Amino acid sequence: MSNQWNGPLQEAGPCRYRIPRSYKPQMRTDGVIFASAQMLPDIKSDASPEQVANVACLPGIVGNSIAMPDIHYGYGFPIGGVAATDVEQGVVSPGGVGYDINCGVRLLRTNLRRDQVAPKIEAVINQIFRDVPSGVGSEGRVRVNDAELRRVLQQGAQWAVAQGMGWAQDLDHIESRGRLDGADPSLLSDRARKRGQPQLGTLGSGNHFLEVQEVCDIYDEKTARVFGIDELGQITIMVHTGSRGLGYQVCDDALAVMQRAMNTYKIDLPDRQLACAPVTSQEGREYLSAMACAANYAWANRTCIAHWVREAFAHAMGAAPATLGLEVVYDVAHNIAKLEEHDVSGKRQRLCVHRKGATRAFPAGHPDLPRDYAEVGQPVIVPGDMGTHSYLLVGVPEAMPETWGSTCHGAGRLMSRHEAIRRAKGRDIIAELRGQGIYVRAASREGVLEEMPAAYKDVDVVVEACECAGISRRVARMRPLGVMKG
C-alpha cells in the first residue's frame, strides 16, 4: 500500500499550507504545515500530513495542529509536530513528546579559529571519541546508585554542575535552567531507573552526534555578537543527544497507562498512537512528572558530555578550557511538553504545549529568556546532516500567536534508516566525507550509513521556509570539520 498522501493542502500564506477542518469529521481545528512549495512532494510522500489531521482531533486543542518544514512520519504525532491544549479542558499525549524525551542540542562557542583547529581535527575528534562513551547500550563514566539517580532526575543540569561537571554560568543558557519542576522519581518504573543508571554521560546511537564546526556565514551581526559569535571561521561545537534508555522507558510505560485512560475518559481518536489523558487527571499529572524526570536526566546528560568535550578540546589543543572559550550559547529541547502561558484571543491562557521534533523559539522581551539575551530573543539551534550545514536562529514575535513560539528542529529525515543503509550499500561514506574535508569517527559503520547526508532533507531549504513563514530568523550558519557519531 502506498503511503502517498492525497488529502487537501490549501495555500494559506507565505510558506503555509492548510489541511481544512472539514477534511475529517473528528477534526476540531485546521492543520497547518509550514513549508515551501518545493518541499511539498517530499511531505506528501509519507503519511505525516494525515498525522497532522489526526492531532487536530485532540480534545481541548487550542489553535491549529502545526507541523514544521522538517516534518516526517513519527509515532502518533509527526516529527516536527506542535500542538497546544488547554490545561483545564485538554489532554496530554506522550506521542506529542516522543520516545527520546528532551532529545535536544547544546551549542558551545569558542575563542578558536579554523586555522588553529583544522590541522588538529583528527586529534580533537579522536580525543572526544575516547572521552565520551557512545553507541548502542553504551555505559557512562558517571556511576550513580539509585539514590543519586533520583537526585539527577530532580535536579537535572544543576546536579551535574554541582558535581563539578559544568560551570555555574552554563545554567543561564539552558532552557528552563536545565531543570523542570515537578519531577517525581517515585513514578518511574524500576526498569526505567535501571536503564538510566549506567547511561548518564553517554551519547547513544542513531542520529545523536558531537560536531566540531566553523562559522561560515553570519546573517545578523548584532544578534550573533550577543550570542558570542563574532567572526567567520570561528569554531563552535554542537552536542545532540537526549534521555537515552530511561526516556524511552518512561514513554513506553506511559503509553500503556494512557491506552487504558482513553477508555476511562471515553476519548475517541482516529489513531490509538495518540493515546492521551486529561492534563489535570492523575494519569496526565503523573506523566508530566515522569516526563520531567527524563527531561532533567537529558539536561544532566548533555552537561556531563559538554564537560568532557571541554576537557578533550583542552587536551588536544594543549590549553586550559577557560582560555578556549567553550561557553554555552544555548541548550534547547526539541522533544518535550511544557505548561506555558500564551495569549489566546486577547486573553492569557495556560496551555500544555507539545513540541515533538520542534524547538521553542521565544522572542525578545520574553520573561523566560536569560537576561543577556532579553533584547534579541532566544537562540534556536538547528543541526543539519554531517555533510552540510547547521544553523543558529533566533526567535521572533510573529511566531508566538501562530506556533506558540516554536520553529523547526533540524533537517528532517527523507529516508528510513533501513532505506538509507540499502541505498548506501557498497559506498564508503566516511571516505566520501573525508574528501569534503570532514573527519568522521563513529561507533559503527552501520551508524554512519543510516545517517548519510542523502537520508535528510536540505537543511538550507528547511530554514529558509521557517524564515519565509516568519517563525524564526537566521543568525549564523556553520559547516562541519569533524563529527563523532554514536
Protein backbone atom coordinates (compact mmCIF):
# COMPACT_ATOMS: atom_id res chain seq x y z
CA MET A 1 0.00 0.00 0.00
CA SER A 2 1.34 3.43 -0.96
CA ASN A 3 1.93 5.97 1.80
CA GLN A 4 1.47 8.83 -0.67
CA TRP A 5 -0.83 11.41 0.88
CA ASN A 6 -3.57 12.76 -1.39
CA GLY A 7 -5.59 14.84 1.04
CA PRO A 8 -6.19 18.60 0.73
CA LEU A 9 -3.35 21.09 1.21
CA GLN A 10 -4.52 24.64 0.63
CA GLU A 11 -2.07 27.50 0.30
CA ALA A 12 -2.69 29.75 3.32
CA GLY A 13 0.01 32.43 3.06
CA PRO A 14 3.79 32.57 2.67
CA CYS A 15 5.17 29.06 3.22
CA ARG A 16 1.93 27.85 4.84
CA TYR A 17 -0.40 25.08 3.75
CA ARG A 18 -3.69 24.26 5.43
CA ILE A 19 -5.47 20.94 5.95
CA PRO A 20 -9.01 22.25 6.48
CA ARG A 21 -11.03 21.13 9.46
CA SER A 22 -13.61 19.75 7.03
CA TYR A 23 -11.17 17.01 5.92
CA LYS A 24 -12.19 14.73 8.81
CA PRO A 25 -15.35 14.83 10.92
CA GLN A 26 -13.37 14.45 14.17
CA MET A 27 -11.06 17.42 13.48
CA ARG A 28 -11.59 20.23 15.99
CA THR A 29 -9.33 22.70 14.16
CA ASP A 30 -7.28 23.11 10.97
CA GLY A 31 -3.90 21.58 10.37
CA VAL A 32 -1.14 23.94 9.20
CA ILE A 33 2.15 22.79 7.67
CA PHE A 34 4.90 25.38 7.32
CA ALA A 35 6.81 24.59 4.13
CA SER A 36 7.84 25.97 0.76
CA ALA A 37 6.21 24.73 -2.45
CA GLN A 38 9.35 22.79 -3.41
CA MET A 39 9.08 20.75 -0.19
CA LEU A 40 5.53 19.52 -0.81
CA PRO A 41 6.36 16.39 -2.87
CA ASP A 42 8.56 15.06 -0.05
CA ILE A 43 5.99 16.00 2.60
CA LYS A 44 3.24 14.18 0.68
CA SER A 45 5.41 11.08 0.22
CA ASP A 46 4.52 9.67 3.63
CA ALA A 47 1.53 9.72 5.99
CA SER A 48 2.77 12.60 8.15
CA PRO A 49 0.09 15.07 6.87
CA GLU A 50 -2.53 12.51 7.97
CA GLN A 51 -0.92 12.62 11.41
CA VAL A 52 -1.28 16.43 11.41
CA ALA A 53 -5.00 15.94 10.74
CA ASN A 54 -5.25 13.31 13.49
CA VAL A 55 -3.60 15.59 16.05
CA ALA A 56 -6.26 18.20 15.20
CA CYS A 57 -8.77 15.78 16.78
CA LEU A 58 -7.26 16.01 20.30
CA PRO A 59 -9.71 17.15 22.99
CA GLY A 60 -9.01 20.71 24.13
CA ILE A 61 -6.64 21.61 21.28
CA VAL A 62 -6.11 25.39 21.03
CA GLY A 63 -5.15 27.00 17.74
CA ASN A 64 -4.05 24.83 14.82
CA SER A 65 -2.41 21.43 14.65
CA ILE A 66 1.02 22.54 13.43
CA ALA A 67 3.91 20.95 11.56
CA MET A 68 7.33 22.38 10.76
CA PRO A 69 9.17 22.13 7.40
CA ASP A 70 11.24 19.20 8.72
CA ILE A 71 8.05 17.14 9.15
CA HIS A 72 8.22 13.36 8.72
CA TYR A 73 6.32 10.35 9.95
CA GLY A 74 6.50 9.59 13.67
CA TYR A 75 4.68 7.78 16.45
CA GLY A 76 1.22 9.35 16.79
CA PHE A 77 2.34 12.92 16.20
CA PRO A 78 4.50 13.62 13.16
CA ILE A 79 8.10 14.51 13.92
CA GLY A 80 8.06 18.28 13.51
CA GLY A 81 4.63 18.46 15.16
CA VAL A 82 3.41 21.14 17.58
CA ALA A 83 0.08 21.20 19.40
CA ALA A 84 -1.18 23.20 22.37
CA THR A 85 -4.04 22.04 24.56
CA ASP A 86 -5.93 23.93 27.24
CA VAL A 87 -4.62 22.83 30.65
CA GLU A 88 -8.10 22.73 32.19
CA GLN A 89 -10.03 21.15 29.31
CA GLY A 90 -7.40 19.46 27.18
CA VAL A 91 -5.18 16.38 27.14
CA VAL A 92 -1.51 15.50 27.25
CA SER A 93 -0.24 12.86 24.81
CA PRO A 94 3.14 11.08 25.14
CA GLY A 95 3.12 10.72 21.34
CA GLY A 96 3.41 14.52 21.22
CA VAL A 97 6.75 14.33 23.04
CA GLY A 98 8.20 11.14 21.63
CA TYR A 99 10.29 8.29 22.96
CA ASP A 100 13.53 10.26 23.34
CA ILE A 101 12.23 12.75 25.89
CA ASN A 102 14.20 16.02 25.77
CA CYS A 103 16.32 15.00 22.88
CA GLY A 104 17.95 18.36 22.28
CA VAL A 105 21.00 20.29 21.18
CA ARG A 106 23.66 22.28 23.01
CA LEU A 107 25.89 24.75 21.16
CA LEU A 108 29.27 25.83 22.53
CA ARG A 109 31.20 28.77 21.14
CA THR A 110 34.99 29.03 21.35
CA ASN A 111 37.78 31.58 21.02
CA LEU A 112 39.39 29.32 18.41
CA ARG A 113 39.56 29.77 14.66
CA ARG A 114 39.66 27.32 11.77
CA ASP A 115 43.39 27.67 11.15
CA GLN A 116 44.07 26.59 14.75
CA VAL A 117 41.73 23.57 14.79
CA ALA A 118 41.56 22.19 11.23
CA PRO A 119 45.16 20.83 11.27
CA LYS A 120 44.36 19.04 14.57
CA ILE A 121 40.81 17.93 13.80
CA GLU A 122 41.61 14.20 13.83
CA ALA A 123 43.30 14.52 17.23
CA VAL A 124 40.38 16.56 18.57
CA ILE A 125 37.67 14.14 17.37
CA ASN A 126 39.65 11.07 18.44
CA GLN A 127 40.12 12.54 21.92
CA ILE A 128 36.40 13.32 22.17
CA PHE A 129 35.67 9.76 20.98
CA ARG A 130 37.83 8.40 23.81
CA ASP A 131 36.32 10.68 26.44
CA VAL A 132 32.60 10.48 25.57
CA PRO A 133 31.03 6.99 25.57
CA SER A 134 28.80 6.30 22.57
CA GLY A 135 26.99 3.58 20.69
CA VAL A 136 24.04 1.26 21.38
CA GLY A 137 23.82 0.35 25.07
CA SER A 138 26.91 2.40 25.93
CA GLU A 139 27.67 2.93 29.60
CA GLY A 140 28.95 6.18 31.02
CA ARG A 141 31.89 7.31 33.10
CA VAL A 142 29.48 8.55 35.79
CA ARG A 143 28.39 5.76 38.12
CA VAL A 144 25.31 6.61 40.20
CA ASN A 145 23.38 4.43 42.62
CA ASP A 146 19.59 4.61 42.79
CA ALA A 147 19.56 7.33 45.45
CA GLU A 148 21.94 9.53 43.44
CA LEU A 149 19.99 8.89 40.23
CA ARG A 150 16.88 10.23 41.95
CA ARG A 151 18.78 13.47 42.62
CA VAL A 152 19.76 13.64 38.94
CA LEU A 153 16.10 13.19 37.95
CA GLN A 154 15.03 16.04 40.23
CA GLN A 155 17.91 18.48 39.69
CA GLY A 156 18.88 17.99 36.05
CA ALA A 157 21.82 20.04 34.78
CA GLN A 158 22.13 21.63 38.22
CA TRP A 159 23.17 18.23 39.60
CA ALA A 160 25.98 17.92 37.05
CA VAL A 161 27.27 21.43 37.75
CA ALA A 162 27.24 20.73 41.50
CA GLN A 163 29.43 17.66 40.79
CA GLY A 164 31.99 19.84 39.00
CA MET A 165 30.88 18.76 35.52
CA GLY A 166 29.97 22.17 34.17
CA TRP A 167 30.22 25.85 35.04
CA ALA A 168 27.63 27.72 37.10
CA GLN A 169 27.11 30.22 34.26
CA ASP A 170 26.14 27.36 31.93
CA LEU A 171 22.74 27.16 33.64
CA ASP A 172 21.74 30.66 32.47
CA HIS A 173 21.96 29.46 28.87
CA ILE A 174 19.96 26.23 29.21
CA GLU A 175 16.23 26.16 28.55
CA SER A 176 14.44 26.15 31.94
CA ARG A 177 17.92 26.43 33.51
CA GLY A 178 18.27 22.72 32.86
CA ARG A 179 15.58 21.64 35.31
CA LEU A 180 11.82 21.15 35.11
CA ASP A 181 9.86 21.46 38.35
CA GLY A 182 7.52 18.70 39.48
CA ALA A 183 9.80 15.76 38.68
CA ASP A 184 8.85 12.76 40.87
CA PRO A 185 11.32 9.85 40.59
CA SER A 186 8.97 7.56 42.53
CA LEU A 187 6.70 7.49 39.46
CA LEU A 188 9.37 5.83 37.28
CA SER A 189 9.38 2.06 36.90
CA ASP A 190 12.30 0.03 38.21
CA ARG A 191 13.15 -0.78 34.59
CA ALA A 192 13.33 2.92 33.64
CA ARG A 193 15.68 3.70 36.53
CA LYS A 194 17.82 0.61 35.86
CA ARG A 195 18.19 1.64 32.22
CA GLY A 196 19.19 5.16 33.25
CA GLN A 197 21.73 4.30 35.95
CA PRO A 198 24.63 3.21 33.70
CA GLN A 199 23.92 5.55 30.76
CA LEU A 200 24.39 9.00 32.27
CA GLY A 201 27.02 10.89 30.27
CA THR A 202 26.63 8.83 27.08
CA LEU A 203 25.92 9.98 23.56
CA GLY A 204 23.98 6.92 22.42
CA SER A 205 23.42 5.94 18.82
CA GLY A 206 21.15 6.79 15.87
CA ASN A 207 21.14 10.44 14.90
CA HIS A 208 22.98 11.59 18.03
CA PHE A 209 26.33 13.25 17.43
CA LEU A 210 29.07 15.62 18.53
CA GLU A 211 30.23 18.02 15.84
CA VAL A 212 33.12 20.48 15.60
CA GLN A 213 32.15 23.26 13.19
CA GLU A 214 33.33 26.55 11.75
CA VAL A 215 31.10 29.58 11.28
CA CYS A 216 30.81 30.09 7.53
CA ASP A 217 28.03 32.72 7.28
CA ILE A 218 26.73 35.44 9.60
CA TYR A 219 23.35 36.91 8.64
CA ASP A 220 22.66 39.10 11.69
CA GLU A 221 25.88 40.53 13.11
CA LYS A 222 24.32 42.26 16.11
CA THR A 223 22.48 39.17 17.35
CA ALA A 224 25.42 36.90 16.55
CA ARG A 225 27.70 39.05 18.74
CA VAL A 226 25.25 38.83 21.63
CA PHE A 227 25.37 35.02 21.26
CA GLY A 228 29.19 35.08 21.27
CA ILE A 229 29.60 34.51 17.52
CA ASP A 230 31.88 37.27 16.29
CA GLU A 231 33.63 36.27 13.05
CA LEU A 232 33.79 33.86 10.16
CA GLY A 233 35.99 30.83 10.77
CA GLN A 234 35.15 30.77 14.48
CA ILE A 235 34.91 27.25 15.92
CA THR A 236 31.69 26.01 17.51
CA ILE A 237 30.75 22.63 18.94
CA MET A 238 27.33 21.00 18.83
CA VAL A 239 26.10 18.25 21.18
CA HIS A 240 22.95 16.36 20.12
CA THR A 241 21.54 13.67 22.42
CA GLY A 242 18.68 13.02 24.84
CA SER A 243 17.49 10.91 27.76
CA ARG A 244 18.76 7.55 26.46
CA GLY A 245 17.06 4.33 27.60
CA LEU A 246 15.49 5.99 30.62
CA GLY A 247 13.45 8.38 28.48
CA TYR A 248 12.43 5.59 26.12
CA GLN A 249 11.15 3.51 29.04
CA VAL A 250 9.26 6.44 30.58
CA CYS A 251 7.44 6.92 27.27
CA ASP A 252 6.77 3.20 26.82
CA ASP A 253 5.39 2.88 30.34
CA ALA A 254 3.20 5.96 29.93
CA LEU A 255 1.68 4.76 26.66
CA ALA A 256 0.34 1.63 28.35
CA VAL A 257 -1.27 3.79 31.06
CA MET A 258 -2.68 6.24 28.50
CA GLN A 259 -4.25 3.48 26.42
CA ARG A 260 -6.31 2.48 29.46
CA ALA A 261 -7.04 6.12 30.26
CA MET A 262 -8.61 6.60 26.82
CA ASN A 263 -11.30 4.11 27.85
CA THR A 264 -11.70 5.60 31.32
CA TYR A 265 -12.27 9.12 29.99
CA LYS A 266 -14.13 7.95 26.87
CA ILE A 267 -11.70 9.65 24.49
CA ASP A 268 -12.12 8.51 20.88
CA LEU A 269 -9.37 9.37 18.39
CA PRO A 270 -8.59 8.18 14.83
CA ASP A 271 -5.16 6.83 15.87
CA ARG A 272 -4.50 4.84 19.04
CA GLN A 273 -0.91 6.09 18.96
CA LEU A 274 -2.33 9.44 20.12
CA ALA A 275 -3.14 7.81 23.48
CA CYS A 276 -3.71 10.61 25.98
CA ALA A 277 -5.39 11.67 29.21
CA PRO A 278 -6.70 14.98 30.54
CA VAL A 279 -3.83 17.21 31.69
CA THR A 280 -5.46 17.56 35.13
CA SER A 281 -6.18 13.82 35.57
CA GLN A 282 -3.99 11.61 37.75
CA GLU A 283 -2.65 9.91 34.61
CA GLY A 284 -1.89 13.26 32.98
CA ARG A 285 -0.20 14.74 36.04
CA GLU A 286 1.86 11.61 36.63
CA TYR A 287 3.04 11.51 33.02
CA LEU A 288 4.17 15.15 33.16
CA SER A 289 6.06 14.42 36.42
CA ALA A 290 7.74 11.34 34.94
CA MET A 291 8.49 13.23 31.71
CA ALA A 292 10.12 15.99 33.80
CA CYS A 293 12.41 13.35 35.34
CA ALA A 294 13.50 12.21 31.88
CA ALA A 295 13.92 15.81 30.68
CA ASN A 296 16.12 16.57 33.68
CA TYR A 297 18.16 13.43 33.02
CA ALA A 298 18.74 14.61 29.43
CA TRP A 299 19.94 18.05 30.57
CA ALA A 300 22.30 16.40 33.07
CA ASN A 301 23.47 14.08 30.29
CA ARG A 302 24.32 16.93 27.88
CA THR A 303 26.02 18.83 30.71
CA CYS A 304 28.30 15.87 31.54
CA ILE A 305 29.11 15.37 27.86
CA ALA A 306 29.88 19.07 27.34
CA HIS A 307 32.24 18.91 30.33
CA TRP A 308 34.22 16.07 28.73
CA VAL A 309 34.19 17.86 25.38
CA ARG A 310 35.81 20.83 27.12
CA GLU A 311 38.46 18.57 28.63
CA ALA A 312 39.08 16.79 25.31
CA PHE A 313 39.47 20.09 23.47
CA ALA A 314 41.84 21.39 26.11
CA HIS A 315 43.92 18.20 25.91
CA ALA A 316 44.08 18.21 22.11
CA MET A 317 44.84 21.94 21.91
CA GLY A 318 47.25 21.96 24.86
CA ALA A 319 45.44 24.74 26.73
CA ALA A 320 43.13 25.24 29.72
CA PRO A 321 39.37 25.06 28.93
CA ALA A 322 38.73 28.56 30.26
CA THR A 323 41.24 30.08 27.82
CA LEU A 324 39.49 28.42 24.85
CA GLY A 325 36.08 29.99 25.47
CA LEU A 326 33.92 26.86 25.27
CA GLU A 327 30.93 28.75 26.64
CA VAL A 328 27.34 27.54 26.22
CA VAL A 329 25.47 29.62 23.63
CA TYR A 330 22.26 27.75 24.44
CA ASP A 331 20.78 24.31 25.08
CA VAL A 332 17.30 23.63 23.67
CA ALA A 333 14.91 20.70 23.98
CA HIS A 334 13.06 19.54 20.90
CA ASN A 335 11.02 16.64 22.34
CA ILE A 336 9.02 17.96 25.29
CA ALA A 337 5.63 19.08 26.63
CA LYS A 338 5.60 22.22 28.78
CA LEU A 339 2.96 24.16 30.66
CA GLU A 340 3.18 27.74 29.36
CA GLU A 341 1.08 30.90 29.34
CA HIS A 342 0.16 32.33 25.94
CA ASP A 343 -2.17 34.99 24.54
CA VAL A 344 -5.26 33.33 23.08
CA SER A 345 -7.86 35.64 21.52
CA GLY A 346 -6.61 38.53 23.63
CA LYS A 347 -6.54 36.64 26.95
CA ARG A 348 -3.74 34.89 28.81
CA GLN A 349 -4.33 31.15 28.83
CA ARG A 350 -2.37 28.27 30.37
CA LEU A 351 -1.53 25.70 27.73
CA CYS A 352 0.21 22.35 27.53
CA VAL A 353 2.46 22.86 24.50
CA HIS A 354 3.66 19.64 22.87
CA ARG A 355 6.83 20.07 20.78
CA LYS A 356 7.99 16.89 19.06
CA GLY A 357 10.86 17.48 16.70
CA ALA A 358 10.27 21.21 17.16
CA THR A 359 12.20 23.86 19.08
CA ARG A 360 10.99 26.55 21.43
CA ALA A 361 11.77 29.94 19.85
CA PHE A 362 10.73 32.77 22.17
CA PRO A 363 11.21 36.39 21.02
CA ALA A 364 13.00 39.36 22.58
CA GLY A 365 11.41 40.51 25.81
CA HIS A 366 10.02 37.14 26.83
CA PRO A 367 10.34 36.63 30.62
CA ASP A 368 11.80 33.10 30.19
CA LEU A 369 14.89 34.41 28.38
CA PRO A 370 18.26 34.85 30.13
CA ARG A 371 19.00 38.48 30.88
CA ASP A 372 21.82 38.79 28.35
CA TYR A 373 19.54 37.61 25.51
CA ALA A 374 16.45 39.60 26.54
CA GLU A 375 16.93 42.28 23.86
CA VAL A 376 17.48 39.91 20.92
CA GLY A 377 15.49 36.74 21.57
CA GLN A 378 16.13 33.06 22.26
CA PRO A 379 18.83 31.19 20.34
CA VAL A 380 17.49 28.30 18.25
CA ILE A 381 19.91 25.52 17.29
CA VAL A 382 19.16 23.60 14.09
CA PRO A 383 21.55 20.79 13.19
CA GLY A 384 21.75 19.61 9.60
CA ASP A 385 23.35 16.38 8.44
CA MET A 386 27.02 15.60 8.87
CA GLY A 387 27.86 16.58 5.30
CA THR A 388 26.25 20.02 5.02
CA HIS A 389 25.42 22.84 7.43
CA SER A 390 23.84 23.62 10.78
CA TYR A 391 22.18 26.86 11.80
CA LEU A 392 21.86 29.27 14.67
CA LEU A 393 18.49 31.05 14.50
CA VAL A 394 16.65 33.42 16.83
CA GLY A 395 13.03 33.54 17.98
CA VAL A 396 10.73 36.26 16.62
CA PRO A 397 7.48 37.82 17.93
CA GLU A 398 5.46 36.68 14.90
CA ALA A 399 5.83 33.03 15.94
CA MET A 400 4.03 33.44 19.24
CA PRO A 401 0.40 33.51 18.04
CA GLU A 402 0.89 31.01 15.20
CA THR A 403 3.24 28.37 16.62
CA TRP A 404 3.29 29.16 20.37
CA GLY A 405 6.86 30.36 19.88
CA SER A 406 8.11 27.24 18.06
CA THR A 407 10.19 26.53 14.97
CA CYS A 408 12.00 23.65 13.23
CA HIS A 409 14.50 21.37 14.98
CA GLY A 410 16.70 20.04 12.17
CA ALA A 411 16.85 18.90 8.58
CA GLY A 412 14.29 16.11 8.97
CA ARG A 413 14.65 12.62 7.55
CA LEU A 414 13.83 11.77 3.94
CA MET A 415 14.61 8.05 4.20
CA SER A 416 14.10 5.44 6.87
CA ARG A 417 17.27 4.07 8.42
CA HIS A 418 16.78 0.76 6.60
CA GLU A 419 16.35 2.56 3.28
CA ALA A 420 19.47 4.65 3.87
CA ILE A 421 21.52 1.53 4.60
CA ARG A 422 20.14 -0.13 1.46
CA ARG A 423 21.00 2.84 -0.74
CA ALA A 424 24.46 3.27 0.78
CA LYS A 425 25.42 -0.34 0.13
CA GLY A 426 28.91 -0.57 -1.30
CA ARG A 427 29.74 3.06 -0.53
CA ASP A 428 32.33 4.33 1.93
CA ILE A 429 30.50 7.34 3.40
CA ILE A 430 33.35 8.14 5.80
CA ALA A 431 35.83 8.34 2.91
CA GLU A 432 33.40 10.44 0.86
CA LEU A 433 33.05 12.92 3.73
CA ARG A 434 36.83 12.93 4.24
CA GLY A 435 37.09 14.01 0.60
CA GLN A 436 34.94 17.02 1.53
CA GLY A 437 37.28 17.91 4.40
CA ILE A 438 35.07 16.38 7.14
CA TYR A 439 36.63 13.86 9.51
CA VAL A 440 34.13 11.33 10.92
CA ARG A 441 34.67 8.89 13.77
CA ALA A 442 31.80 6.52 14.56
CA ALA A 443 30.95 3.71 16.95
CA SER A 444 29.79 1.58 13.99
CA ARG A 445 29.91 1.62 10.18
CA GLU A 446 26.16 0.94 10.01
CA GLY A 447 25.51 4.02 12.16
CA VAL A 448 27.20 6.17 9.51
CA LEU A 449 25.31 4.57 6.64
CA GLU A 450 21.89 5.18 8.19
CA GLU A 451 22.84 8.80 8.85
CA MET A 452 24.36 9.55 5.43
CA PRO A 453 23.64 13.10 4.20
CA ALA A 454 21.24 11.95 1.46
CA ALA A 455 18.96 10.47 4.15
CA TYR A 456 18.00 14.00 5.20
CA LYS A 457 16.21 16.99 3.71
CA ASP A 458 18.26 20.01 2.71
CA VAL A 459 18.59 21.99 5.95
CA ASP A 460 19.09 25.22 3.96
CA VAL A 461 15.63 24.76 2.41
CA VAL A 462 14.08 23.90 5.80
CA VAL A 463 15.50 27.02 7.47
CA GLU A 464 14.60 29.26 4.52
CA ALA A 465 10.99 28.04 4.81
CA CYS A 466 10.92 28.96 8.51
CA GLU A 467 12.24 32.43 7.71
CA CYS A 468 9.81 32.79 4.79
CA ALA A 469 6.95 31.88 7.15
CA GLY A 470 8.20 34.41 9.72
CA ILE A 471 8.57 31.94 12.61
CA SER A 472 12.33 32.35 13.17
CA ARG A 473 15.25 34.28 11.68
CA ARG A 474 18.72 33.20 10.59
CA VAL A 475 21.67 34.41 12.64
CA ALA A 476 24.60 32.25 11.51
CA ARG A 477 25.43 29.10 9.58
CA MET A 478 28.12 26.56 10.45
CA ARG A 479 29.75 23.75 8.47
CA PRO A 480 31.32 20.61 9.98
CA LEU A 481 35.03 19.98 10.26
CA GLY A 482 34.78 16.85 12.38
CA VAL A 483 31.96 14.61 13.57
CA MET A 484 31.62 11.94 16.22
CA LYS A 485 28.63 9.71 15.58
CA GLY A 486 27.00 7.44 18.12
